[in-house]
Amino acid sequence: MENICQSCGMPMGKDSDFGTNADGSKNQEYCQFCYQNGKFTDEGITLEQKIAKNIAIAAKMGMPADEAKKMAKEVLPKLKRWRGGK
């Protein structure tokens, strides 16, 4: 089964998709866009801001905005980074 980033929901199927820990090893929970060198690339972002960011990225990739919004609002709150209202 393919991993998904526990911050943004991106599928992570190949080695280059995975983020990196502080020691340079691959992080199995977060993607390269969300997590680099042991830190979140968007540290301090709120769940609502992350949802808006994901909607904008999906729209640039050609997904209809209403579909992107529905998906982001359903998926992101269930991911490890966002559970518990962080």
PDB file of N, CA and C in Angstrom:
ATOM      1  N   MET A   1       0.847  -1.194   0.000  1.00  0.00           N
ATOM      2  CA  MET A   1       0.000   0.000   0.000  1.00  0.00           C
ATOM      3  C   MET A   1       0.889   1.253   0.000  1.00  0.00           C
ATOM      4  N   GLU A   2       0.492   2.220  -0.755  1.00  0.00           N
ATOM      5  CA  GLU A   2       1.257   3.448  -0.874  1.00  0.00           C
ATOM      6  C   GLU A   2       1.061   4.320   0.365  1.00  0.00           C
ATOM      7  N   ASN A   3       2.146   4.892   0.846  1.00  0.00           N
ATOM      8  CA  ASN A   3       2.068   5.827   1.966  1.00  0.00           C
ATOM      9  C   ASN A   3       1.496   7.146   1.474  1.00  0.00           C
ATOM     10  N   ILE A   4       0.860   7.883   2.392  1.00  0.00           N
ATOM     11  CA  ILE A   4       0.480   9.257   2.073  1.00  0.00           C
ATOM     12  C   ILE A   4       1.099  10.164   3.129  1.00  0.00           C
ATOM     13  N   CYS A   5       1.471  11.344   2.713  1.00  0.00           N
ATOM     14  CA  CYS A   5       2.064  12.312   3.628  1.00  0.00           C
ATOM     15  C   CYS A   5       1.070  12.640   4.730  1.00  0.00           C
ATOM     16  N   GLN A   6       1.528  12.586   5.964  1.00  0.00           N
ATOM     17  CA  GLN A   6       0.671  12.841   7.113  1.00  0.00           C
ATOM     18  C   GLN A   6       0.547  14.329   7.425  1.00  0.00           C
ATOM     19  N   SER A   7       0.942  15.168   6.464  1.00  0.00           N
ATOM     20  CA  SER A   7       0.763  16.612   6.584  1.00  0.00           C
ATOM     21  C   SER A   7      -0.138  17.146   5.468  1.00  0.00           C
ATOM     22  N   CYS A   8       0.111  16.686   4.212  1.00  0.00           N
ATOM     23  CA  CYS A   8      -0.643  17.231   3.075  1.00  0.00           C
ATOM     24  C   CYS A   8      -1.495  16.202   2.338  1.00  0.00           C
ATOM     25  N   GLY A   9      -1.260  14.911   2.580  1.00  0.00           N
ATOM     26  CA  GLY A   9      -2.041  13.869   1.919  1.00  0.00           C
ATOM     27  C   GLY A   9      -1.485  13.404   0.588  1.00  0.00           C
ATOM     28  N   MET A  10      -0.322  13.915   0.179  1.00  0.00           N
ATOM     29  CA  MET A  10       0.265  13.521  -1.102  1.00  0.00           C
ATOM     30  C   MET A  10       0.680  12.042  -1.068  1.00  0.00           C
ATOM     31  N   PRO A  11       0.352  11.299  -2.109  1.00  0.00           N
ATOM     32  CA  PRO A  11       0.834   9.910  -2.185  1.00  0.00           C
ATOM     33  C   PRO A  11       2.365   9.894  -2.286  1.00  0.00           C
ATOM     34  N   MET A  12       2.984   8.981  -1.553  1.00  0.00           N
ATOM     35  CA  MET A  12       4.437   8.855  -1.589  1.00  0.00           C
ATOM     36  C   MET A  12       4.781   7.436  -2.031  1.00  0.00           C
ATOM     37  N   GLY A  13       5.070   7.288  -3.308  1.00  0.00           N
ATOM     38  CA  GLY A  13       5.328   5.972  -3.869  1.00  0.00           C
ATOM     39  C   GLY A  13       6.780   5.690  -4.171  1.00  0.00           C
ATOM     40  N   LYS A  14       7.553   6.743  -4.448  1.00  0.00           N
ATOM     41  CA  LYS A  14       8.966   6.526  -4.769  1.00  0.00           C
ATOM     42  C   LYS A  14       9.845   7.225  -3.733  1.00  0.00           C
ATOM     43  N   ASP A  15      11.065   6.784  -3.652  1.00  0.00           N
ATOM     44  CA  ASP A  15      12.006   7.257  -2.642  1.00  0.00           C
ATOM     45  C   ASP A  15      12.109   8.783  -2.593  1.00  0.00           C
ATOM     46  N   SER A  16      12.118   9.416  -3.747  1.00  0.00           N
ATOM     47  CA  SER A  16      12.288  10.869  -3.798  1.00  0.00           C
ATOM     48  C   SER A  16      11.078  11.634  -3.275  1.00  0.00           C
ATOM     49  N   ASP A  17       9.942  10.958  -3.066  1.00  0.00           N
ATOM     50  CA  ASP A  17       8.747  11.613  -2.532  1.00  0.00           C
ATOM     51  C   ASP A  17       8.861  11.894  -1.038  1.00  0.00           C
ATOM     52  N   PHE A  18       9.687  11.107  -0.335  1.00  0.00           N
ATOM     53  CA  PHE A  18       9.760  11.185   1.120  1.00  0.00           C
ATOM     54  C   PHE A  18      10.606  12.359   1.594  1.00  0.00           C
ATOM     55  N   GLY A  19      10.179  12.963   2.706  1.00  0.00           N
ATOM     56  CA  GLY A  19      10.942  14.028   3.333  1.00  0.00           C
ATOM     57  C   GLY A  19      12.177  13.456   4.010  1.00  0.00           C
ATOM     58  N   THR A  20      12.962  14.352   4.621  1.00  0.00           N
ATOM     59  CA  THR A  20      14.197  13.913   5.268  1.00  0.00           C
ATOM     60  C   THR A  20      14.220  14.311   6.740  1.00  0.00           C
ATOM     61  N   ASN A  21      14.821  13.440   7.538  1.00  0.00           N
ATOM     62  CA  ASN A  21      15.030  13.712   8.954  1.00  0.00           C
ATOM     63  C   ASN A  21      16.286  14.564   9.110  1.00  0.00           C
ATOM     64  N   ALA A  22      16.530  15.034  10.332  1.00  0.00           N
ATOM     65  CA  ALA A  22      17.692  15.886  10.608  1.00  0.00           C
ATOM     66  C   ALA A  22      19.011  15.197  10.247  1.00  0.00           C
ATOM     67  N   ASP A  23      19.058  13.869  10.370  1.00  0.00           N
ATOM     68  CA  ASP A  23      20.291  13.127  10.051  1.00  0.00           C
ATOM     69  C   ASP A  23      20.410  12.760   8.574  1.00  0.00           C
ATOM     70  N   GLY A  24      19.447  13.216   7.762  1.00  0.00           N
ATOM     71  CA  GLY A  24      19.493  12.956   6.324  1.00  0.00           C
ATOM     72  C   GLY A  24      18.749  11.706   5.889  1.00  0.00           C
ATOM     73  N   SER A  25      18.311  10.893   6.850  1.00  0.00           N
ATOM     74  CA  SER A  25      17.559   9.681   6.501  1.00  0.00           C
ATOM     75  C   SER A  25      16.156  10.052   6.023  1.00  0.00           C
ATOM     76  N   LYS A  26      15.530   9.126   5.305  1.00  0.00           N
ATOM     77  CA  LYS A  26      14.180   9.369   4.791  1.00  0.00           C
ATOM     78  C   LYS A  26      13.165   9.312   5.926  1.00  0.00           C
ATOM     79  N   ASN A  27      12.218  10.240   5.898  1.00  0.00           N
ATOM     80  CA  ASN A  27      11.126  10.239   6.861  1.00  0.00           C
ATOM     81  C   ASN A  27       9.966   9.495   6.227  1.00  0.00           C
ATOM     82  N   GLN A  28       9.437   8.516   6.909  1.00  0.00           N
ATOM     83  CA  GLN A  28       8.389   7.663   6.351  1.00  0.00           C
ATOM     84  C   GLN A  28       6.980   8.249   6.461  1.00  0.00           C
ATOM     85  N   GLU A  29       6.828   9.359   7.197  1.00  0.00           N
ATOM     86  CA  GLU A  29       5.500   9.921   7.417  1.00  0.00           C
ATOM     87  C   GLU A  29       5.187  11.168   6.604  1.00  0.00           C
ATOM     88  N   TYR A  30       6.224  11.915   6.225  1.00  0.00           N
ATOM     89  CA  TYR A  30       6.000  13.206   5.578  1.00  0.00           C
ATOM     90  C   TYR A  30       6.748  13.314   4.248  1.00  0.00           C
ATOM     91  N   CYS A  31       6.158  14.034   3.303  1.00  0.00           N
ATOM     92  CA  CYS A  31       6.737  14.165   1.964  1.00  0.00           C
ATOM     93  C   CYS A  31       7.846  15.217   1.915  1.00  0.00           C
ATOM     94  N   GLN A  32       8.554  15.209   0.795  1.00  0.00           N
ATOM     95  CA  GLN A  32       9.665  16.131   0.579  1.00  0.00           C
ATOM     96  C   GLN A  32       9.226  17.597   0.582  1.00  0.00           C
ATOM     97  N   PHE A  33       7.985  17.863   0.245  1.00  0.00           N
ATOM     98  CA  PHE A  33       7.505  19.238   0.189  1.00  0.00           C
ATOM     99  C   PHE A  33       7.138  19.773   1.572  1.00  0.00           C
ATOM    100  N   CYS A  34       6.757  18.870   2.483  1.00  0.00           N
ATOM    101  CA  CYS A  34       6.325  19.280   3.820  1.00  0.00           C
ATOM    102  C   CYS A  34       7.421  19.175   4.872  1.00  0.00           C
ATOM    103  N   TYR A  35       8.399  18.295   4.656  1.00  0.00           N
ATOM    104  CA  TYR A  35       9.356  17.991   5.726  1.00  0.00           C
ATOM    105  C   TYR A  35      10.766  17.827   5.170  1.00  0.00           C
ATOM    106  N   GLN A  36      11.680  18.692   5.609  1.00  0.00           N
ATOM    107  CA  GLN A  36      13.065  18.631   5.149  1.00  0.00           C
ATOM    108  C   GLN A  36      14.004  18.879   6.323  1.00  0.00           C
ATOM    109  N   ASN A  37      15.028  18.047   6.418  1.00  0.00           N
ATOM    110  CA  ASN A  37      16.044  18.187   7.464  1.00  0.00           C
ATOM    111  C   ASN A  37      15.446  18.188   8.871  1.00  0.00           C
ATOM    112  N   GLY A  38      14.401  17.369   9.062  1.00  0.00           N
ATOM    113  CA  GLY A  38      13.814  17.207  10.382  1.00  0.00           C
ATOM    114  C   GLY A  38      12.839  18.288  10.803  1.00  0.00           C
ATOM    115  N   LYS A  39      12.430  19.142   9.869  1.00  0.00           N
ATOM    116  CA  LYS A  39      11.509  20.239  10.208  1.00  0.00           C
ATOM    117  C   LYS A  39      10.441  20.384   9.124  1.00  0.00           C
ATOM    118  N   PHE A  40       9.269  20.864   9.543  1.00  0.00           N
ATOM    119  CA  PHE A  40       8.228  21.172   8.569  1.00  0.00           C
ATOM    120  C   PHE A  40       8.641  22.407   7.786  1.00  0.00           C
ATOM    121  N   THR A  41       8.427  22.378   6.482  1.00  0.00           N
ATOM    122  CA  THR A  41       8.792  23.511   5.632  1.00  0.00           C
ATOM    123  C   THR A  41       7.840  24.683   5.835  1.00  0.00           C
ATOM    124  N   ASP A  42       6.656  24.394   6.374  1.00  0.00           N
ATOM    125  CA  ASP A  42       5.668  25.443   6.620  1.00  0.00           C
ATOM    126  C   ASP A  42       5.315  25.493   8.110  1.00  0.00           C
ATOM    127  N   GLU A  43       6.335  25.425   8.954  1.00  0.00           N
ATOM    128  CA  GLU A  43       6.166  25.447  10.408  1.00  0.00           C
ATOM    129  C   GLU A  43       5.280  26.626  10.816  1.00  0.00           C
ATOM    130  N   GLY A  44       4.319  26.358  11.696  1.00  0.00           N
ATOM    131  CA  GLY A  44       3.449  27.417  12.188  1.00  0.00           C
ATOM    132  C   GLY A  44       2.174  27.614  11.387  1.00  0.00           C
ATOM    133  N   ILE A  45       2.042  26.908  10.269  1.00  0.00           N
ATOM    134  CA  ILE A  45       0.835  27.031   9.452  1.00  0.00           C
ATOM    135  C   ILE A  45      -0.339  26.367  10.185  1.00  0.00           C
ATOM    136  N   THR A  46      -1.517  26.945  10.047  1.00  0.00           N
ATOM    137  CA  THR A  46      -2.707  26.357  10.663  1.00  0.00           C
ATOM    138  C   THR A  46      -3.332  25.348   9.707  1.00  0.00           C
ATOM    139  N   LEU A  47      -4.218  24.534  10.228  1.00  0.00           N
ATOM    140  CA  LEU A  47      -4.930  23.573   9.381  1.00  0.00           C
ATOM    141  C   LEU A  47      -5.694  24.299   8.282  1.00  0.00           C
ATOM    142  N   GLU A  48      -6.360  25.393   8.626  1.00  0.00           N
ATOM    143  CA  GLU A  48      -7.131  26.142   7.622  1.00  0.00           C
ATOM    144  C   GLU A  48      -6.218  26.692   6.524  1.00  0.00           C
ATOM    145  N   GLN A  49      -5.051  27.178   6.925  1.00  0.00           N
ATOM    146  CA  GLN A  49      -4.096  27.690   5.939  1.00  0.00           C
ATOM    147  C   GLN A  49      -3.570  26.559   5.053  1.00  0.00           C
ATOM    148  N   LYS A  50      -3.345  25.395   5.649  1.00  0.00           N
ATOM    149  CA  LYS A  50      -2.868  24.239   4.887  1.00  0.00           C
ATOM    150  C   LYS A  50      -3.934  23.786   3.892  1.00  0.00           C
ATOM    151  N   ILE A  51      -5.186  23.791   4.309  1.00  0.00           N
ATOM    152  CA  ILE A  51      -6.281  23.429   3.406  1.00  0.00           C
ATOM    153  C   ILE A  51      -6.304  24.389   2.215  1.00  0.00           C
ATOM    154  N   ALA A  52      -6.199  25.691   2.486  1.00  0.00           N
ATOM    155  CA  ALA A  52      -6.203  26.686   1.407  1.00  0.00           C
ATOM    156  C   ALA A  52      -5.009  26.474   0.472  1.00  0.00           C
ATOM    157  N   LYS A  53      -3.845  26.162   1.058  1.00  0.00           N
ATOM    158  CA  LYS A  53      -2.636  25.917   0.256  1.00  0.00           C
ATOM    159  C   LYS A  53      -2.843  24.695  -0.644  1.00  0.00           C
ATOM    160  N   ASN A  54      -3.403  23.622  -0.095  1.00  0.00           N
ATOM    161  CA  ASN A  54      -3.640  22.411  -0.882  1.00  0.00           C
ATOM    162  C   ASN A  54      -4.642  22.660  -2.006  1.00  0.00           C
ATOM    163  N   ILE A  55      -5.678  23.434  -1.740  1.00  0.00           N
ATOM    164  CA  ILE A  55      -6.677  23.761  -2.758  1.00  0.00           C
ATOM    165  C   ILE A  55      -6.009  24.505  -3.918  1.00  0.00           C
ATOM    166  N   ALA A  56      -5.151  25.470  -3.589  1.00  0.00           N
ATOM    167  CA  ALA A  56      -4.459  26.250  -4.625  1.00  0.00           C
ATOM    168  C   ALA A  56      -3.546  25.361  -5.463  1.00  0.00           C
ATOM    169  N   ILE A  57      -2.829  24.450  -4.812  1.00  0.00           N
ATOM    170  CA  ILE A  57      -1.935  23.539  -5.539  1.00  0.00           C
ATOM    171  C   ILE A  57      -2.739  22.617  -6.451  1.00  0.00           C
ATOM    172  N   ALA A  58      -3.831  22.065  -5.926  1.00  0.00           N
ATOM    173  CA  ALA A  58      -4.674  21.162  -6.721  1.00  0.00           C
ATOM    174  C   ALA A  58      -5.271  21.892  -7.922  1.00  0.00           C
ATOM    175  N   ALA A  59      -5.683  23.138  -7.723  1.00  0.00           N
ATOM    176  CA  ALA A  59      -6.254  23.930  -8.816  1.00  0.00           C
ATOM    177  C   ALA A  59      -5.206  24.151  -9.917  1.00  0.00           C
ATOM    178  N   LYS A  60      -3.953  24.426  -9.518  1.00  0.00           N
ATOM    179  CA  LYS A  60      -2.872  24.603 -10.501  1.00  0.00           C
ATOM    180  C   LYS A  60      -2.635  23.324 -11.292  1.00  0.00           C
ATOM    181  N   MET A  61      -2.920  22.181 -10.663  1.00  0.00           N
ATOM    182  CA  MET A  61      -2.727  20.889 -11.326  1.00  0.00           C
ATOM    183  C   MET A  61      -3.948  20.488 -12.156  1.00  0.00           C
ATOM    184  N   GLY A  62      -4.982  21.345 -12.170  1.00  0.00           N
ATOM    185  CA  GLY A  62      -6.133  21.096 -13.019  1.00  0.00           C
ATOM    186  C   GLY A  62      -7.360  20.516 -12.340  1.00  0.00           C
ATOM    187  N   MET A  63      -7.307  20.339 -11.027  1.00  0.00           N
ATOM    188  CA  MET A  63      -8.474  19.810 -10.320  1.00  0.00           C
ATOM    189  C   MET A  63      -9.476  20.951 -10.097  1.00  0.00           C
ATOM    190  N   PRO A  64     -10.758  20.704 -10.323  1.00  0.00           N
ATOM    191  CA  PRO A  64     -11.765  21.742 -10.051  1.00  0.00           C
ATOM    192  C   PRO A  64     -11.698  22.184  -8.580  1.00  0.00           C
ATOM    193  N   ALA A  65     -11.821  23.482  -8.333  1.00  0.00           N
ATOM    194  CA  ALA A  65     -11.666  24.039  -6.981  1.00  0.00           C
ATOM    195  C   ALA A  65     -12.626  23.424  -5.972  1.00  0.00           C
ATOM    196  N   ASP A  66     -13.876  23.188  -6.377  1.00  0.00           N
ATOM    197  CA  ASP A  66     -14.842  22.625  -5.428  1.00  0.00           C
ATOM    198  C   ASP A  66     -14.471  21.197  -5.032  1.00  0.00           C
ATOM    199  N   GLU A  67     -13.946  20.436  -5.981  1.00  0.00           N
ATOM    200  CA  GLU A  67     -13.496  19.066  -5.707  1.00  0.00           C
ATOM    201  C   GLU A  67     -12.263  19.087  -4.801  1.00  0.00           C
ATOM    202  N   ALA A  68     -11.336  19.995  -5.079  1.00  0.00           N
ATOM    203  CA  ALA A  68     -10.115  20.123  -4.263  1.00  0.00           C
ATOM    204  C   ALA A  68     -10.464  20.523  -2.836  1.00  0.00           C
ATOM    205  N   LYS A  69     -11.411  21.440  -2.692  1.00  0.00           N
ATOM    206  CA  LYS A  69     -11.825  21.899  -1.362  1.00  0.00           C
ATOM    207  C   LYS A  69     -12.458  20.769  -0.565  1.00  0.00           C
ATOM    208  N   LYS A  70     -13.342  20.010  -1.211  1.00  0.00           N
ATOM    209  CA  LYS A  70     -14.013  18.884  -0.557  1.00  0.00           C
ATOM    210  C   LYS A  70     -12.983  17.852  -0.096  1.00  0.00           C
ATOM    211  N   MET A  71     -12.036  17.519  -0.974  1.00  0.00           N
ATOM    212  CA  MET A  71     -11.020  16.527  -0.649  1.00  0.00           C
ATOM    213  C   MET A  71     -10.132  17.007   0.501  1.00  0.00           C
ATOM    214  N   ALA A  72      -9.668  18.251   0.426  1.00  0.00           N
ATOM    215  CA  ALA A  72      -8.778  18.786   1.463  1.00  0.00           C
ATOM    216  C   ALA A  72      -9.475  18.818   2.824  1.00  0.00           C
ATOM    217  N   LYS A  73     -10.728  19.227   2.844  1.00  0.00           N
ATOM    218  CA  LYS A  73     -11.461  19.319   4.117  1.00  0.00           C
ATOM    219  C   LYS A  73     -11.779  17.947   4.704  1.00  0.00           C
ATOM    220  N   GLU A  74     -11.860  16.932   3.854  1.00  0.00           N
ATOM    221  CA  GLU A  74     -12.122  15.569   4.342  1.00  0.00           C
ATOM    222  C   GLU A  74     -10.841  14.874   4.782  1.00  0.00           C
ATOM    223  N   VAL A  75      -9.751  15.065   4.040  1.00  0.00           N
ATOM    224  CA  VAL A  75      -8.523  14.304   4.271  1.00  0.00           C
ATOM    225  C   VAL A  75      -7.614  14.932   5.330  1.00  0.00           C
ATOM    226  N   LEU A  76      -7.311  16.209   5.213  1.00  0.00           N
ATOM    227  CA  LEU A  76      -6.296  16.814   6.070  1.00  0.00           C
ATOM    228  C   LEU A  76      -6.570  16.689   7.574  1.00  0.00           C
ATOM    229  N   PRO A  77      -7.785  16.950   8.056  1.00  0.00           N
ATOM    230  CA  PRO A  77      -8.005  16.847   9.511  1.00  0.00           C
ATOM    231  C   PRO A  77      -7.756  15.452  10.082  1.00  0.00           C
ATOM    232  N   LYS A  78      -7.743  14.430   9.240  1.00  0.00           N
ATOM    233  CA  LYS A  78      -7.535  13.050   9.704  1.00  0.00           C
ATOM    234  C   LYS A  78      -6.062  12.657   9.727  1.00  0.00           C
ATOM    235  N   LEU A  79      -5.194  13.486   9.149  1.00  0.00           N
ATOM    236  CA  LEU A  79      -3.776  13.157   9.076  1.00  0.00           C
ATOM    237  C   LEU A  79      -3.084  13.425  10.410  1.00  0.00           C
ATOM    238  N   LYS A  80      -2.010  12.697  10.660  1.00  0.00           N
ATOM    239  CA  LYS A  80      -1.301  12.741  11.945  1.00  0.00           C
ATOM    240  C   LYS A  80      -0.956  14.163  12.391  1.00  0.00           C
ATOM    241  N   ARG A  81      -0.451  14.985  11.483  1.00  0.00           N
ATOM    242  CA  ARG A  81      -0.027  16.339  11.854  1.00  0.00           C
ATOM    243  C   ARG A  81      -1.180  17.187  12.376  1.00  0.00           C
ATOM    244  N   TRP A  82      -2.389  16.936  11.893  1.00  0.00           N
ATOM    245  CA  TRP A  82      -3.520  17.819  12.183  1.00  0.00           C
ATOM    246  C   TRP A  82      -4.508  17.274  13.211  1.00  0.00           C
ATOM    247  N   ARG A  83      -4.397  16.008  13.565  1.00  0.00           N
ATOM    248  CA  ARG A  83      -5.307  15.457  14.564  1.00  0.00           C
ATOM    249  C   ARG A  83      -5.080  16.161  15.896  1.00  0.00           C
ATOM    250  N   GLY A  84      -6.161  16.460  16.572  1.00  0.00           N
ATOM    251  CA  GLY A  84      -6.043  17.122  17.868  1.00  0.00           C
ATOM    252  C   GLY A  84      -5.972  18.636  17.767  1.00  0.00           C
ATOM    253  N   GLY A  85      -6.273  19.164  16.571  1.00  0.00           N
ATOM    254  CA  GLY A  85      -6.378  20.612  16.392  1.00  0.00           C
ATOM    255  C   GLY A  85      -5.060  21.368  16.343  1.00  0.00           C
ATOM    256  N   LYS A  86      -3.960  20.689  16.092  1.00  0.00           N
ATOM    257  CA  LYS A  86      -2.663  21.365  16.011  1.00  0.00           C
ATOM    258  C   LYS A  86      -2.614  22.289  14.818  1.00  0.00           C
TER     259      LYS A  86
END
